[in-house]
Amino acid sequence: MTASHFIILLLFFSITDLRAKESMENYVGLRNQYVHLKKNDSSAFASLNRFIAKAKKESDFVRLSEAYKYAVYFSPSDTRKLAYADSTIVAALKSKQPALISDAYLGKGIFYYFNLKKFEPALAEYLKAYQYSKSSDDEYLRQKIIYHMGVVKSYLGFYEEALELFHQCTVFFEGKSQEKNHPNIIFNFKRGYYNSIHQMIICYLNLKQYQLAEDLLDKGLRNLNEDDDFVLEKSYLLKCRGILEYSRKNYNGSIHDLKGALKEMIKSNDFSWLSVIYYYLGKNHMIQDEHTGISYLQKVDSIFNKHAFIFPEVRPAYEDLITYYSEKKDVDKQLYYTNQLLKVDKIIGKDYTFLSSRIHREYDTRLLLESKSNLEKMSSRRMVYVWILITLAVSLLFLAAVRYRREQNIKMKYLLLQDRLNNREYKTLGIERKKTDSDALKTSLPEPLYQELDQKLLNFEVKNGFIQKGLSLSILASKMNTNTYYLSTFINENKGKNFKTYINDLRISYITHLLNSEKKYLLYTIEALAQEAGISTRQHFSDLFYLANGVRPTDFIRKRKKELKIE
């Protein structure tokens, strides 16, 4: 090789190395060095800080906003995350791009909500994001904001309203995830879809629409079992399935799913859902192993002490702890958990009061004002929509009036029933005999048979034999060593009603006295009360209770709890 050839080769490699170095220092090259790293990995800042410095030097506020957004993601410190979130907003405002500004405010709101559980500032940032999104064509961004507003509504307990928002998000994200696009974009759409169905399942569970929750869980987990990129999202769904199984009294299945979700929750430090998992693990174990159950409930309190946050759903953990230590005669711990419960109620009350009023005042009112503005821009033939809104408002007022009247009617019926119960006018409906004007009972049965059936049936009523589920005329006749004709005739003549009505009246009388005299039954579900009375379905029990007492069991329980000052 000649000297000239050597010099040319040396220059070639020098230029190649220089271009490679320049490539590493351009935006794409720098981004590629950290984009694959995991959340809270501070090693990203070696390249990210150079990206930030380059964007600042070139006054490239779009990329600067992007860099600060990554800084929020990679910083392990909440204090630094908040500072970077503010920097993201400043850079976005300087870019004067509505979508970028909206996304920056949304990011800060998400940090407040999910990292710090500070709902007031979170909602303030969401509302700013929503305002700027109206000037943007970015539908993905708009759906993200809708999703996070839905999360707030769900937390407040407006599950029906939240479901509408999450359903809208689910349709959007699922459709977009099936289109051809860059893998990173598809990943974001899929994550949006799984998070949306997670929130829908939460709403269904709280509305006790268990079949809808199960259908969505099956669909989500079936897809996630084929996709290893969404381990945390799968844990959220396992958590929901664990709660569903608990509601079905499948305690072993519930524990299995909840523990399956636990690892990723701990890893991601999602303490809000960790407290829910610990709560349901505690409730599951309390059935068979009270000591283990209490240890899990105490973990709920540990999270509350550390983060000053709690979902209303897990509030009963403190009632269980107070009851447990009351039975153990441990006054100190009973007092401690009582004080903790007072703190919990104060925090929940504060969040609900603020969020509920503001989300309706600022978010829902903005939606209504936008709707009004759009209506005003329509042509005269579309002004019919105004009348629809007016009709809707009148209908709502009418429904409110109907509800008020219904509540007054329930109150009156409850007081009348209490008067009957307290003055012993509410007799056991089966035992009460039918009387004629002469106070003499006419019967077609032989006197010895009549007396025998009279005594046996009285014994049957006193021993509450009527609460046996599936009890029929033939079963009871067999128990009394008689036939169905004689028994049916005796009941018709002696009670003034047929067998079915006779049994149902006994059951409702029995359960009404229990609800009125024993506080523990006021804590039962309607399904459990129906089972206690020997009635097969919730609805049938409710209808029979209403027919006998003039009020639904739910309304009676609500009024009785209020009267006894039971929370």
Protein backbone atom coordinates (compact mmCIF):
# COMPACT_ATOMS: atom_id res chain seq x y z
CA MET A 1 0.00 0.00 0.00
CA THR A 2 1.40 3.41 -0.97
CA ALA A 3 1.53 6.37 1.36
CA SER A 4 -1.17 8.18 -0.64
CA HIS A 5 -3.49 5.16 -0.35
CA PHE A 6 -2.88 5.01 3.41
CA ILE A 7 -3.71 8.71 3.86
CA ILE A 8 -6.94 8.32 1.83
CA LEU A 9 -7.97 5.30 3.94
CA LEU A 10 -7.18 7.18 7.16
CA LEU A 11 -9.30 10.16 6.03
CA PHE A 12 -12.15 7.78 5.13
CA PHE A 13 -12.24 6.21 8.60
CA SER A 14 -11.91 9.63 10.27
CA ILE A 15 -14.92 10.95 8.33
CA THR A 16 -16.90 7.77 9.11
CA ASP A 17 -16.14 8.08 12.85
CA LEU A 18 -17.08 11.77 12.78
CA ARG A 19 -20.40 11.03 11.06
CA ALA A 20 -21.10 8.25 13.56
CA LYS A 21 -20.42 10.62 16.44
CA GLU A 22 -22.64 13.30 14.85
CA SER A 23 -25.35 10.66 14.42
CA MET A 24 -25.13 9.80 18.11
CA GLU A 25 -25.45 13.50 18.98
CA ASN A 26 -28.49 14.21 16.77
CA TYR A 27 -32.00 13.96 18.24
CA VAL A 28 -32.80 10.52 16.87
CA GLY A 29 -29.46 9.10 17.92
CA LEU A 30 -29.74 10.49 21.44
CA ARG A 31 -33.34 9.30 21.81
CA ASN A 32 -32.42 5.79 20.70
CA GLN A 33 -29.99 5.55 23.63
CA TYR A 34 -32.70 5.84 26.29
CA VAL A 35 -36.10 5.15 24.70
CA HIS A 36 -35.88 1.41 25.47
CA LEU A 37 -35.13 1.88 29.20
CA LYS A 38 -37.64 1.14 31.96
CA LYS A 39 -39.52 3.66 34.07
CA ASN A 40 -37.50 5.42 36.83
CA ASP A 41 -34.17 4.32 35.27
CA SER A 42 -31.92 7.32 35.97
CA SER A 43 -29.21 6.03 33.60
CA ALA A 44 -31.31 7.56 30.81
CA PHE A 45 -30.16 11.02 31.84
CA ALA A 46 -26.66 10.48 30.40
CA SER A 47 -28.17 10.91 26.93
CA LEU A 48 -31.33 12.77 27.91
CA ASN A 49 -29.44 15.73 29.39
CA ARG A 50 -27.53 16.13 26.10
CA PHE A 51 -30.87 16.02 24.24
CA ILE A 52 -32.22 18.77 26.55
CA ALA A 53 -29.09 20.92 26.13
CA LYS A 54 -29.25 20.59 22.33
CA ALA A 55 -32.97 21.51 22.22
CA LYS A 56 -32.36 24.54 24.47
CA LYS A 57 -29.44 25.73 22.37
CA GLU A 58 -31.52 25.48 19.18
CA SER A 59 -34.70 26.86 20.85
CA ASP A 60 -36.50 23.76 19.64
CA PHE A 61 -39.39 23.90 22.13
CA VAL A 62 -41.25 20.96 20.62
CA ARG A 63 -38.32 18.61 21.24
CA LEU A 64 -37.56 20.29 24.56
CA SER A 65 -41.10 19.55 25.74
CA GLU A 66 -40.67 15.95 24.58
CA ALA A 67 -37.37 15.64 26.47
CA TYR A 68 -38.84 16.95 29.73
CA LYS A 69 -41.71 14.50 29.36
CA TYR A 70 -39.16 11.66 29.18
CA ALA A 71 -37.40 13.18 32.21
CA VAL A 72 -40.63 12.82 34.22
CA TYR A 73 -40.78 9.17 33.17
CA PHE A 74 -37.15 8.30 33.99
CA SER A 75 -36.63 10.30 37.17
CA PRO A 76 -36.89 8.10 40.31
CA SER A 77 -37.67 11.12 42.51
CA ASP A 78 -41.22 12.47 42.82
CA THR A 79 -39.84 15.94 43.57
CA ARG A 80 -37.79 15.90 40.35
CA LYS A 81 -40.71 14.45 38.39
CA LEU A 82 -42.88 17.40 39.43
CA ALA A 83 -40.16 19.89 38.47
CA TYR A 84 -39.75 18.24 35.05
CA ALA A 85 -43.55 18.25 34.58
CA ASP A 86 -43.53 22.03 35.11
CA SER A 87 -40.65 22.37 32.63
CA THR A 88 -42.64 20.34 30.11
CA ILE A 89 -45.51 22.82 30.38
CA VAL A 90 -43.19 25.86 30.02
CA ALA A 91 -41.57 24.44 26.89
CA ALA A 92 -44.95 23.45 25.43
CA LEU A 93 -46.36 26.96 26.02
CA LYS A 94 -43.37 28.43 24.19
CA SER A 95 -44.05 26.10 21.25
CA LYS A 96 -47.57 27.60 20.97
CA GLN A 97 -48.93 24.23 19.83
CA PRO A 98 -52.32 23.45 21.51
CA ALA A 99 -51.88 19.66 21.33
CA LEU A 100 -48.45 19.85 22.95
CA ILE A 101 -49.70 22.21 25.68
CA SER A 102 -52.72 20.03 26.34
CA ASP A 103 -50.54 16.91 26.60
CA ALA A 104 -48.17 18.67 29.02
CA TYR A 105 -50.98 19.66 31.38
CA LEU A 106 -52.42 16.16 31.12
CA GLY A 107 -49.04 14.65 32.05
CA LYS A 108 -48.79 16.77 35.16
CA GLY A 109 -52.35 15.86 36.13
CA ILE A 110 -51.58 12.16 35.69
CA PHE A 111 -48.52 12.54 37.93
CA TYR A 112 -50.58 14.25 40.65
CA TYR A 113 -53.31 11.60 40.45
CA PHE A 114 -51.38 8.36 40.10
CA ASN A 115 -48.12 9.17 41.90
CA LEU A 116 -49.15 11.55 44.66
CA LYS A 117 -52.91 10.85 44.87
CA LYS A 118 -53.52 14.60 45.05
CA PHE A 119 -56.89 14.89 43.39
CA GLU A 120 -57.46 18.63 43.62
CA PRO A 121 -54.36 19.69 41.63
CA ALA A 122 -54.81 16.68 39.31
CA LEU A 123 -58.31 17.79 38.36
CA ALA A 124 -57.06 21.36 37.82
CA GLU A 125 -54.46 20.11 35.30
CA TYR A 126 -57.01 17.85 33.53
CA LEU A 127 -59.35 20.80 33.05
CA LYS A 128 -56.54 22.91 31.55
CA ALA A 129 -55.62 20.01 29.24
CA TYR A 130 -59.24 19.68 28.17
CA GLN A 131 -59.46 23.40 27.38
CA TYR A 132 -56.37 23.34 25.11
CA SER A 133 -57.43 20.07 23.44
CA LYS A 134 -60.43 21.83 21.90
CA SER A 135 -58.02 23.69 19.61
CA SER A 136 -56.28 20.49 18.52
CA ASP A 137 -57.06 17.78 15.96
CA ASP A 138 -55.25 15.12 18.02
CA GLU A 139 -58.00 12.57 18.71
CA TYR A 140 -55.63 10.26 20.63
CA LEU A 141 -54.88 13.08 23.06
CA ARG A 142 -58.55 13.89 23.45
CA GLN A 143 -59.35 10.26 24.29
CA LYS A 144 -56.58 10.23 26.90
CA ILE A 145 -58.15 13.25 28.60
CA ILE A 146 -61.59 11.64 28.43
CA TYR A 147 -60.11 8.51 30.02
CA HIS A 148 -58.60 10.41 32.95
CA MET A 149 -61.80 12.41 33.52
CA GLY A 150 -63.56 9.04 33.60
CA VAL A 151 -61.15 7.86 36.30
CA VAL A 152 -62.13 10.85 38.45
CA LYS A 153 -65.84 10.18 37.89
CA SER A 154 -65.36 6.52 38.79
CA TYR A 155 -63.51 7.44 41.98
CA LEU A 156 -66.40 9.71 42.94
CA GLY A 157 -68.87 6.87 42.42
CA PHE A 158 -70.49 8.14 39.21
CA TYR A 159 -70.06 4.72 37.63
CA GLU A 160 -72.73 5.01 34.94
CA GLU A 161 -71.28 8.29 33.68
CA ALA A 162 -67.72 6.93 33.86
CA LEU A 163 -68.75 3.84 31.90
CA GLU A 164 -69.89 5.98 28.98
CA LEU A 165 -66.49 7.69 28.84
CA PHE A 166 -64.52 4.44 29.16
CA HIS A 167 -66.65 2.73 26.52
CA GLN A 168 -65.87 5.59 24.12
CA CYS A 169 -62.15 5.20 24.87
CA THR A 170 -62.30 1.41 24.45
CA VAL A 171 -63.88 1.67 21.01
CA PHE A 172 -61.29 4.22 19.90
CA PHE A 173 -58.19 2.45 21.25
CA GLU A 174 -59.27 -1.02 20.12
CA GLY A 175 -59.99 0.20 16.60
CA LYS A 176 -56.68 2.06 16.33
CA SER A 177 -54.67 -0.86 17.72
CA GLN A 178 -55.83 -3.00 14.81
CA GLU A 179 -54.67 -0.55 12.13
CA LYS A 180 -51.26 -0.70 10.45
CA ASN A 181 -48.88 1.65 12.22
CA HIS A 182 -45.50 1.97 13.93
CA PRO A 183 -45.03 -0.67 16.70
CA ASN A 184 -44.61 2.02 19.37
CA ILE A 185 -47.87 3.69 18.36
CA ILE A 186 -49.69 0.34 18.31
CA PHE A 187 -48.27 -0.34 21.79
CA ASN A 188 -49.75 2.93 23.11
CA PHE A 189 -53.14 2.15 21.58
CA LYS A 190 -53.14 -1.34 23.11
CA ARG A 191 -52.17 0.01 26.51
CA GLY A 192 -54.97 2.57 26.24
CA TYR A 193 -57.39 -0.24 25.39
CA TYR A 194 -56.37 -2.49 28.30
CA ASN A 195 -56.46 0.42 30.77
CA SER A 196 -59.92 1.42 29.51
CA ILE A 197 -61.41 -2.07 29.91
CA HIS A 198 -59.80 -2.27 33.37
CA GLN A 199 -61.70 0.86 34.37
CA MET A 200 -64.91 -0.46 32.78
CA ILE A 201 -64.61 -3.66 34.82
CA ILE A 202 -64.17 -1.59 38.00
CA CYS A 203 -67.43 0.23 37.19
CA TYR A 204 -69.27 -3.02 36.44
CA LEU A 205 -68.09 -4.55 39.74
CA ASN A 206 -69.26 -1.53 41.71
CA LEU A 207 -72.61 -1.62 39.91
CA LYS A 208 -72.80 -5.36 40.72
CA GLN A 209 -73.12 -6.18 37.03
CA TYR A 210 -70.94 -9.24 37.52
CA GLN A 211 -71.68 -11.01 34.25
CA LEU A 212 -70.62 -7.97 32.19
CA ALA A 213 -67.47 -7.70 34.30
CA GLU A 214 -66.69 -11.39 33.77
CA ASP A 215 -67.23 -11.20 29.99
CA LEU A 216 -64.84 -8.26 29.71
CA LEU A 217 -62.30 -9.93 32.01
CA ASP A 218 -62.31 -13.10 29.91
CA LYS A 219 -61.79 -11.11 26.73
CA GLY A 220 -58.98 -8.99 28.19
CA LEU A 221 -57.09 -11.83 29.84
CA ARG A 222 -57.42 -14.00 26.74
CA ASN A 223 -55.68 -11.29 24.71
CA LEU A 224 -53.09 -10.57 27.41
CA ASN A 225 -52.10 -14.22 27.71
CA GLU A 226 -50.85 -13.94 24.14
CA ASP A 227 -49.01 -10.65 24.72
CA ASP A 228 -46.05 -10.41 27.13
CA ASP A 229 -45.63 -6.63 26.78
CA PHE A 230 -48.41 -5.76 29.23
CA VAL A 231 -47.55 -7.53 32.48
CA LEU A 232 -48.83 -4.68 34.68
CA GLU A 233 -52.09 -4.42 32.73
CA LYS A 234 -52.60 -8.16 33.16
CA SER A 235 -52.08 -7.73 36.91
CA TYR A 236 -54.85 -5.12 37.02
CA LEU A 237 -57.26 -7.57 35.40
CA LEU A 238 -56.19 -10.41 37.73
CA LYS A 239 -56.90 -8.08 40.63
CA CYS A 240 -60.41 -7.45 39.28
CA ARG A 241 -61.02 -11.17 38.79
CA GLY A 242 -59.92 -11.78 42.37
CA ILE A 243 -62.52 -9.26 43.57
CA LEU A 244 -65.17 -10.89 41.36
CA GLU A 245 -64.38 -14.34 42.76
CA TYR A 246 -64.61 -12.98 46.30
CA SER A 247 -68.11 -11.67 45.57
CA ARG A 248 -69.01 -15.21 44.44
CA LYS A 249 -67.54 -16.68 47.66
CA ASN A 250 -64.85 -18.53 45.68
CA TYR A 251 -62.26 -17.60 48.30
CA ASN A 252 -59.43 -19.87 47.13
CA GLY A 253 -59.80 -18.67 43.53
CA SER A 254 -59.92 -15.07 44.73
CA ILE A 255 -56.71 -15.47 46.78
CA HIS A 256 -54.94 -17.10 43.82
CA ASP A 257 -55.76 -14.19 41.46
CA LEU A 258 -55.04 -11.48 44.00
CA LYS A 259 -51.63 -12.94 44.80
CA GLY A 260 -50.98 -13.28 41.07
CA ALA A 261 -51.49 -9.52 40.74
CA LEU A 262 -49.45 -8.63 43.83
CA LYS A 263 -45.91 -8.90 42.41
CA GLU A 264 -46.32 -6.33 39.63
CA MET A 265 -48.27 -3.97 41.90
CA ILE A 266 -45.41 -3.96 44.39
CA LYS A 267 -42.86 -3.59 41.59
CA SER A 268 -44.68 -0.60 40.09
CA ASN A 269 -45.34 0.87 43.57
CA ASP A 270 -49.04 1.29 42.77
CA PHE A 271 -49.97 1.64 46.43
CA SER A 272 -53.58 2.58 45.73
CA TRP A 273 -54.41 -0.78 44.14
CA LEU A 274 -52.05 -2.54 46.55
CA SER A 275 -54.32 -1.43 49.39
CA VAL A 276 -57.32 -2.88 47.53
CA ILE A 277 -55.53 -6.20 47.01
CA TYR A 278 -54.51 -6.37 50.68
CA TYR A 279 -58.08 -5.55 51.70
CA TYR A 280 -59.60 -8.40 49.69
CA LEU A 281 -56.85 -10.80 50.72
CA GLY A 282 -57.75 -9.90 54.30
CA LYS A 283 -61.47 -10.45 53.70
CA ASN A 284 -60.78 -13.81 52.03
CA HIS A 285 -58.53 -15.07 54.82
CA MET A 286 -60.90 -13.87 57.57
CA ILE A 287 -63.22 -16.68 56.49
CA GLN A 288 -60.78 -19.46 57.47
CA ASP A 289 -57.68 -17.91 59.07
CA GLU A 290 -58.59 -14.82 61.05
CA HIS A 291 -55.02 -14.06 62.15
CA THR A 292 -53.75 -13.95 58.52
CA GLY A 293 -56.77 -11.91 57.50
CA ILE A 294 -56.06 -9.29 60.17
CA SER A 295 -52.40 -9.04 59.07
CA TYR A 296 -53.52 -8.14 55.54
CA LEU A 297 -56.02 -5.58 56.81
CA GLN A 298 -53.22 -4.00 58.83
CA LYS A 299 -51.25 -3.58 55.58
CA VAL A 300 -54.09 -1.37 54.35
CA ASP A 301 -53.52 0.85 57.37
CA SER A 302 -49.75 0.89 56.74
CA ILE A 303 -50.34 2.21 53.22
CA PHE A 304 -52.75 4.82 54.55
CA ASN A 305 -50.21 5.97 57.14
CA LYS A 306 -47.46 6.28 54.54
CA HIS A 307 -49.40 7.94 51.70
CA ALA A 308 -52.47 9.50 53.39
CA PHE A 309 -54.60 7.87 50.69
CA ILE A 310 -57.38 5.31 50.68
CA PHE A 311 -60.08 4.13 48.29
CA PRO A 312 -63.58 4.35 49.83
CA GLU A 313 -63.92 0.68 48.83
CA VAL A 314 -61.46 -0.44 51.53
CA ARG A 315 -62.85 1.71 54.34
CA PRO A 316 -64.61 -1.34 55.92
CA ALA A 317 -61.14 -2.73 56.74
CA TYR A 318 -61.10 -0.38 59.73
CA GLU A 319 -64.54 -1.50 60.88
CA ASP A 320 -63.32 -5.11 60.77
CA LEU A 321 -60.16 -4.21 62.74
CA ILE A 322 -62.18 -2.33 65.36
CA THR A 323 -64.59 -5.26 65.75
CA TYR A 324 -61.73 -7.77 65.96
CA TYR A 325 -59.86 -5.92 68.70
CA SER A 326 -63.11 -5.16 70.53
CA GLU A 327 -63.75 -8.91 70.74
CA LYS A 328 -60.14 -9.42 71.89
CA LYS A 329 -60.66 -6.78 74.61
CA ASP A 330 -57.63 -4.88 73.29
CA VAL A 331 -58.74 -1.33 74.13
CA ASP A 332 -55.54 0.36 72.89
CA LYS A 333 -55.76 -1.07 69.38
CA GLN A 334 -59.50 -0.59 69.25
CA LEU A 335 -58.98 3.10 70.05
CA TYR A 336 -56.12 3.36 67.53
CA TYR A 337 -58.17 1.99 64.63
CA THR A 338 -61.15 4.11 65.66
CA ASN A 339 -58.96 7.22 65.38
CA GLN A 340 -57.62 5.97 62.06
CA LEU A 341 -61.16 5.52 60.76
CA LEU A 342 -61.96 9.10 61.70
CA LYS A 343 -58.92 10.24 59.68
CA VAL A 344 -60.01 8.07 56.74
CA ASP A 345 -63.51 9.56 56.75
CA LYS A 346 -62.09 13.06 56.90
CA ILE A 347 -59.87 12.49 53.85
CA ILE A 348 -62.58 10.74 51.85
CA GLY A 349 -65.08 13.43 52.75
CA LYS A 350 -62.69 16.18 51.71
CA ASP A 351 -61.87 14.58 48.35
CA TYR A 352 -65.49 13.84 47.55
CA THR A 353 -66.74 17.30 48.51
CA PHE A 354 -64.16 19.06 46.37
CA LEU A 355 -64.05 16.76 43.37
CA SER A 356 -67.78 16.17 43.10
CA SER A 357 -68.64 19.86 43.07
CA ARG A 358 -65.81 20.90 40.76
CA ILE A 359 -66.11 18.15 38.18
CA HIS A 360 -69.75 19.06 37.70
CA ARG A 361 -69.20 22.79 37.98
CA GLU A 362 -66.21 23.06 35.63
CA TYR A 363 -66.05 19.94 33.47
CA ASP A 364 -69.71 19.03 32.97
CA THR A 365 -70.71 22.69 32.80
CA ARG A 366 -68.13 23.28 30.07
CA LEU A 367 -69.57 20.38 28.11
CA LEU A 368 -73.05 21.87 28.48
CA LEU A 369 -71.83 25.33 27.44
CA GLU A 370 -70.09 23.87 24.40
CA SER A 371 -73.29 22.06 23.51
CA LYS A 372 -75.22 25.31 23.87
CA SER A 373 -72.68 27.18 21.72
CA ASN A 374 -72.92 24.56 18.99
CA LEU A 375 -76.70 24.74 19.06
CA GLU A 376 -76.60 28.52 18.65
CA LYS A 377 -74.48 28.12 15.51
CA MET A 378 -76.95 25.73 13.91
CA SER A 379 -79.48 26.77 11.31
CA SER A 380 -83.06 27.43 12.39
CA ARG A 381 -84.22 23.96 11.35
CA ARG A 382 -81.86 22.45 13.95
CA MET A 383 -83.14 24.55 16.82
CA VAL A 384 -85.39 21.62 17.61
CA TYR A 385 -82.45 20.35 19.66
CA VAL A 386 -82.93 23.26 22.02
CA TRP A 387 -86.44 22.06 22.71
CA ILE A 388 -85.10 18.57 23.30
CA LEU A 389 -82.74 19.96 25.95
CA ILE A 390 -85.58 21.93 27.52
CA THR A 391 -87.76 18.84 27.52
CA LEU A 392 -84.93 16.91 29.12
CA ALA A 393 -84.53 19.54 31.83
CA VAL A 394 -88.26 19.51 32.54
CA SER A 395 -88.18 15.72 32.62
CA LEU A 396 -85.33 15.79 35.13
CA LEU A 397 -87.25 18.22 37.33
CA PHE A 398 -90.30 15.98 37.07
CA LEU A 399 -88.24 12.93 38.01
CA ALA A 400 -86.79 14.84 40.97
CA ALA A 401 -90.31 15.70 42.13
CA VAL A 402 -91.42 12.08 41.70
CA ARG A 403 -88.40 10.92 43.66
CA TYR A 404 -89.20 13.39 46.46
CA ARG A 405 -92.80 12.21 46.62
CA ARG A 406 -91.66 8.59 46.59
CA GLU A 407 -89.27 9.28 49.45
CA GLN A 408 -92.04 10.93 51.47
CA ASN A 409 -94.31 7.98 50.76
CA ILE A 410 -91.60 5.54 51.89
CA LYS A 411 -91.12 7.56 55.08
CA MET A 412 -94.85 7.46 55.83
CA LYS A 413 -95.12 3.70 55.13
CA TYR A 414 -92.06 3.04 57.28
CA LEU A 415 -93.48 5.00 60.22
CA LEU A 416 -96.80 3.17 59.92
CA LEU A 417 -95.01 -0.18 59.85
CA GLN A 418 -92.91 0.80 62.88
CA ASP A 419 -96.06 1.80 64.70
CA ARG A 420 -97.56 -1.64 63.98
CA LEU A 421 -94.36 -3.40 65.05
CA ASN A 422 -93.89 -1.40 68.24
CA ASN A 423 -97.55 -1.70 69.30
CA ARG A 424 -97.57 -5.47 68.61
CA GLU A 425 -100.20 -5.02 65.91
CA TYR A 426 -97.89 -6.74 63.42
CA LYS A 427 -98.86 -10.31 64.18
CA THR A 428 -97.21 -13.39 62.81
CA LEU A 429 -99.21 -13.55 59.64
CA GLY A 430 -99.50 -17.33 59.53
CA ILE A 431 -100.48 -17.90 63.13
CA GLU A 432 -103.31 -15.38 62.95
CA ARG A 433 -106.58 -17.29 62.48
CA LYS A 434 -109.48 -16.44 60.23
CA LYS A 435 -112.52 -15.52 62.32
CA THR A 436 -116.21 -15.54 61.38
CA ASP A 437 -118.78 -13.07 62.69
CA SER A 438 -119.79 -15.51 65.42
CA ASP A 439 -116.13 -16.15 66.20
CA ALA A 440 -116.74 -19.78 65.38
CA LEU A 441 -114.75 -21.54 62.70
CA LYS A 442 -116.64 -23.72 60.22
CA THR A 443 -114.70 -26.61 58.76
CA SER A 444 -115.36 -29.51 56.43
CA LEU A 445 -112.73 -31.61 58.20
CA PRO A 446 -113.47 -34.10 60.98
CA GLU A 447 -112.97 -32.52 64.42
CA PRO A 448 -110.11 -34.88 65.50
CA LEU A 449 -108.25 -34.27 62.23
CA TYR A 450 -108.83 -30.53 62.51
CA GLN A 451 -107.40 -30.41 66.03
CA GLU A 452 -104.41 -32.54 65.02
CA LEU A 453 -103.53 -30.33 62.04
CA ASP A 454 -104.09 -27.20 64.11
CA GLN A 455 -101.53 -28.34 66.71
CA LYS A 456 -98.99 -29.57 64.14
CA LEU A 457 -99.17 -26.36 62.13
CA LEU A 458 -98.83 -24.25 65.26
CA ASN A 459 -95.69 -26.21 66.15
CA PHE A 460 -94.43 -25.78 62.56
CA GLU A 461 -94.84 -21.99 62.84
CA VAL A 462 -93.25 -21.68 66.28
CA LYS A 463 -90.17 -23.63 65.13
CA ASN A 464 -89.86 -21.51 61.95
CA GLY A 465 -90.19 -24.56 59.72
CA PHE A 466 -91.36 -22.28 56.92
CA ILE A 467 -87.83 -20.96 56.19
CA GLN A 468 -86.88 -24.26 54.55
CA LYS A 469 -86.02 -23.45 50.94
CA GLY A 470 -88.11 -25.25 48.31
CA LEU A 471 -90.86 -26.12 50.79
CA SER A 472 -93.98 -27.35 48.98
CA LEU A 473 -97.45 -28.46 50.01
CA SER A 474 -96.58 -32.11 49.39
CA ILE A 475 -93.34 -31.89 51.43
CA LEU A 476 -95.13 -30.32 54.40
CA ALA A 477 -98.04 -32.76 54.16
CA SER A 478 -95.60 -35.65 54.24
CA LYS A 479 -93.87 -34.20 57.31
CA MET A 480 -97.25 -33.97 59.07
CA ASN A 481 -98.31 -37.50 58.08
CA THR A 482 -101.33 -36.26 56.16
CA ASN A 483 -102.27 -35.71 52.53
CA THR A 484 -102.18 -32.52 50.48
CA TYR A 485 -105.99 -32.25 50.29
CA TYR A 486 -106.48 -32.18 54.07
CA LEU A 487 -103.59 -29.77 54.64
CA SER A 488 -104.66 -27.44 51.83
CA THR A 489 -108.27 -27.48 53.08
CA PHE A 490 -107.19 -26.73 56.65
CA ILE A 491 -104.99 -23.77 55.57
CA ASN A 492 -107.70 -22.33 53.31
CA GLU A 493 -110.37 -22.58 56.02
CA ASN A 494 -108.21 -21.77 59.03
CA LYS A 495 -105.90 -19.10 57.58
CA GLY A 496 -108.12 -17.67 54.87
CA LYS A 497 -105.44 -18.05 52.20
CA ASN A 498 -103.84 -20.68 49.99
CA PHE A 499 -100.67 -22.60 50.91
CA LYS A 500 -98.29 -20.43 48.85
CA THR A 501 -99.57 -17.17 50.33
CA TYR A 502 -99.55 -18.66 53.83
CA ILE A 503 -95.85 -19.67 53.60
CA ASN A 504 -94.79 -16.38 51.99
CA ASP A 505 -96.59 -14.35 54.69
CA LEU A 506 -94.85 -16.34 57.42
CA ARG A 507 -91.46 -15.77 55.83
CA ILE A 508 -91.91 -12.03 55.39
CA SER A 509 -93.27 -11.62 58.93
CA TYR A 510 -90.27 -13.56 60.25
CA ILE A 511 -87.66 -11.52 58.37
CA THR A 512 -89.38 -8.19 59.17
CA HIS A 513 -89.19 -8.90 62.90
CA LEU A 514 -85.50 -9.83 62.57
CA LEU A 515 -84.69 -6.63 60.71
CA ASN A 516 -86.52 -4.55 63.27
CA SER A 517 -85.12 -6.23 66.38
CA GLU A 518 -81.59 -7.44 65.52
CA LYS A 519 -79.07 -4.94 64.13
CA LYS A 520 -76.86 -7.54 62.44
CA TYR A 521 -79.53 -8.34 59.88
CA LEU A 522 -79.47 -4.70 58.70
CA LEU A 523 -75.96 -5.41 57.38
CA TYR A 524 -77.10 -8.38 55.29
CA THR A 525 -77.47 -8.08 51.53
CA ILE A 526 -80.95 -8.54 50.06
CA GLU A 527 -79.77 -11.87 48.62
CA ALA A 528 -78.68 -13.03 52.08
CA LEU A 529 -81.99 -11.98 53.64
CA ALA A 530 -83.88 -13.86 50.94
CA GLN A 531 -81.80 -16.96 51.71
CA GLU A 532 -82.46 -16.51 55.44
CA ALA A 533 -86.21 -16.42 54.77
CA GLY A 534 -86.08 -19.44 52.44
CA ILE A 535 -86.99 -17.41 49.33
CA SER A 536 -85.17 -18.35 46.15
CA THR A 537 -84.55 -15.00 44.43
CA ARG A 538 -83.77 -11.44 45.43
CA GLN A 539 -86.55 -9.95 43.30
CA HIS A 540 -89.23 -12.35 44.56
CA PHE A 541 -88.25 -11.57 48.14
CA SER A 542 -88.37 -7.82 47.48
CA ASP A 543 -91.81 -8.08 45.84
CA LEU A 544 -93.25 -10.15 48.71
CA PHE A 545 -91.80 -7.77 51.31
CA TYR A 546 -93.35 -4.80 49.51
CA LEU A 547 -96.72 -6.55 49.20
CA ALA A 548 -96.81 -7.26 52.94
CA ASN A 549 -95.24 -4.07 54.32
CA GLY A 550 -95.78 -1.35 51.72
CA VAL A 551 -92.03 -0.63 51.41
CA ARG A 552 -89.12 -2.36 49.70
CA PRO A 553 -86.61 -4.13 51.98
CA THR A 554 -83.82 -1.80 50.80
CA ASP A 555 -85.88 1.23 51.83
CA PHE A 556 -86.83 -0.33 55.17
CA ILE A 557 -83.18 -1.14 55.93
CA ARG A 558 -82.05 2.35 54.90
CA LYS A 559 -84.63 4.00 57.15
CA ARG A 560 -83.96 1.64 60.04
CA LYS A 561 -80.20 2.23 59.82
CA LYS A 562 -80.77 5.98 59.83
CA GLU A 563 -83.06 5.68 62.84
CA LEU A 564 -80.48 3.61 64.74
CA LYS A 565 -77.60 5.81 63.48
CA ILE A 566 -75.83 2.88 61.85
CA GLU A 567 -73.37 3.88 59.09
